[in-house]
Amino acid sequence: MAMRKIYSEIKGMKLKEVPGYFKPMLSVRFVKKSIQRGLDNYHAKYIETDSIEPLYHICFGGMIFSYLVALPNERRHLEHKQHAEQHGHH
């Protein structure tokens, strides 16, 4: 949804005007304000309504995070196993 809004805003711009459009969005103040607005919206949507969805967000987020943390180690083991099989080691 946000990408559609940005696309519709820059669609009519000339190429030289696009960096001027994005530059204020990359400031620290704008990023902090956007994060705060997102947290406020999340709080209003899920916390104030006593929804169970934040629990799901934590559970699934934790599973995804642990998978991503373990992924490099698992890939190393797989590469080592494949290397050993190619060279006749057990």
Protein backbone atom coordinates (compact mmCIF):
# COMPACT_ATOMS: atom_id res chain seq x y z
CA MET A 1 0.00 0.00 0.00
CA ALA A 2 2.80 2.42 0.87
CA MET A 3 4.67 1.52 -2.31
CA ARG A 4 1.58 2.29 -4.35
CA LYS A 5 1.32 5.71 -2.67
CA ILE A 6 4.99 6.50 -3.35
CA TYR A 7 4.67 5.33 -6.94
CA SER A 8 1.62 7.49 -7.54
CA GLU A 9 3.42 10.52 -6.06
CA ILE A 10 6.61 10.16 -8.12
CA LYS A 11 4.88 9.01 -11.30
CA GLY A 12 4.42 12.53 -12.62
CA MET A 13 7.84 13.84 -11.53
CA LYS A 14 10.84 14.39 -13.70
CA LEU A 15 13.90 12.30 -12.92
CA LYS A 16 15.79 15.29 -11.48
CA GLU A 17 12.98 15.91 -8.97
CA VAL A 18 12.96 12.37 -7.53
CA PRO A 19 16.07 12.71 -5.29
CA GLY A 20 14.60 15.89 -3.81
CA TYR A 21 11.45 13.95 -2.98
CA PHE A 22 13.30 11.12 -1.22
CA LYS A 23 16.01 13.13 0.56
CA PRO A 24 13.78 14.41 3.40
CA MET A 25 12.54 10.85 3.96
CA LEU A 26 16.08 9.70 4.75
CA SER A 27 16.63 12.10 7.64
CA VAL A 28 16.92 10.78 11.19
CA ARG A 29 13.96 12.87 12.33
CA PHE A 30 11.68 11.50 9.60
CA VAL A 31 12.70 7.90 10.34
CA LYS A 32 12.10 8.35 14.08
CA LYS A 33 8.74 9.96 13.40
CA SER A 34 7.73 7.13 11.03
CA ILE A 35 8.74 4.45 13.54
CA GLN A 36 6.84 6.21 16.32
CA ARG A 37 3.76 6.54 14.12
CA GLY A 38 3.98 2.82 13.25
CA LEU A 39 4.28 1.85 16.91
CA ASP A 40 1.32 4.08 17.81
CA ASN A 41 -0.76 2.49 15.05
CA TYR A 42 0.24 -1.01 16.22
CA HIS A 43 -0.67 -0.14 19.80
CA ALA A 44 -4.06 1.24 18.76
CA LYS A 45 -4.82 -1.73 16.50
CA TYR A 46 -3.68 -4.64 18.66
CA ILE A 47 -2.86 -3.66 22.25
CA GLU A 48 -5.84 -1.44 23.03
CA THR A 49 -8.26 -3.96 21.52
CA ASP A 50 -6.95 -6.84 23.69
CA SER A 51 -6.14 -8.84 20.59
CA ILE A 52 -4.20 -12.10 20.75
CA GLU A 53 -2.32 -11.27 17.54
CA PRO A 54 0.72 -9.69 19.30
CA LEU A 55 1.36 -13.10 20.86
CA TYR A 56 1.31 -14.64 17.39
CA HIS A 57 3.66 -11.92 16.15
CA ILE A 58 6.12 -12.74 18.93
CA CYS A 59 5.91 -16.49 18.38
CA PHE A 60 6.26 -16.41 14.61
CA GLY A 61 8.85 -13.63 14.75
CA GLY A 62 10.90 -15.68 17.22
CA MET A 63 10.73 -18.75 15.01
CA ILE A 64 11.80 -16.78 11.95
CA PHE A 65 14.61 -15.08 13.88
CA SER A 66 15.95 -18.38 15.27
CA TYR A 67 15.79 -19.94 11.80
CA LEU A 68 17.78 -17.05 10.31
CA VAL A 69 20.35 -17.19 13.11
CA ALA A 70 20.85 -20.96 12.68
CA LEU A 71 20.83 -20.89 8.86
CA PRO A 72 24.55 -20.11 8.31
CA ASN A 73 25.57 -22.94 10.64
CA GLU A 74 23.24 -25.39 8.92
CA ARG A 75 24.55 -24.38 5.50
CA ARG A 76 28.13 -24.94 6.69
CA HIS A 77 27.23 -28.43 7.88
CA LEU A 78 25.50 -29.22 4.58
CA GLU A 79 28.47 -27.98 2.52
CA HIS A 80 30.86 -30.03 4.67
CA LYS A 81 28.69 -33.12 4.24
CA GLN A 82 28.50 -32.65 0.46
CA HIS A 83 32.25 -32.09 0.26
CA ALA A 84 32.89 -35.28 2.25
CA GLU A 85 30.54 -37.29 0.03
CA GLN A 86 32.26 -36.02 -3.13
CA HIS A 87 35.66 -37.04 -1.83
CA GLY A 88 34.63 -40.43 -0.51
CA HIS A 89 34.79 -39.64 3.21
CA HIS A 90 32.15 -40.84 5.63
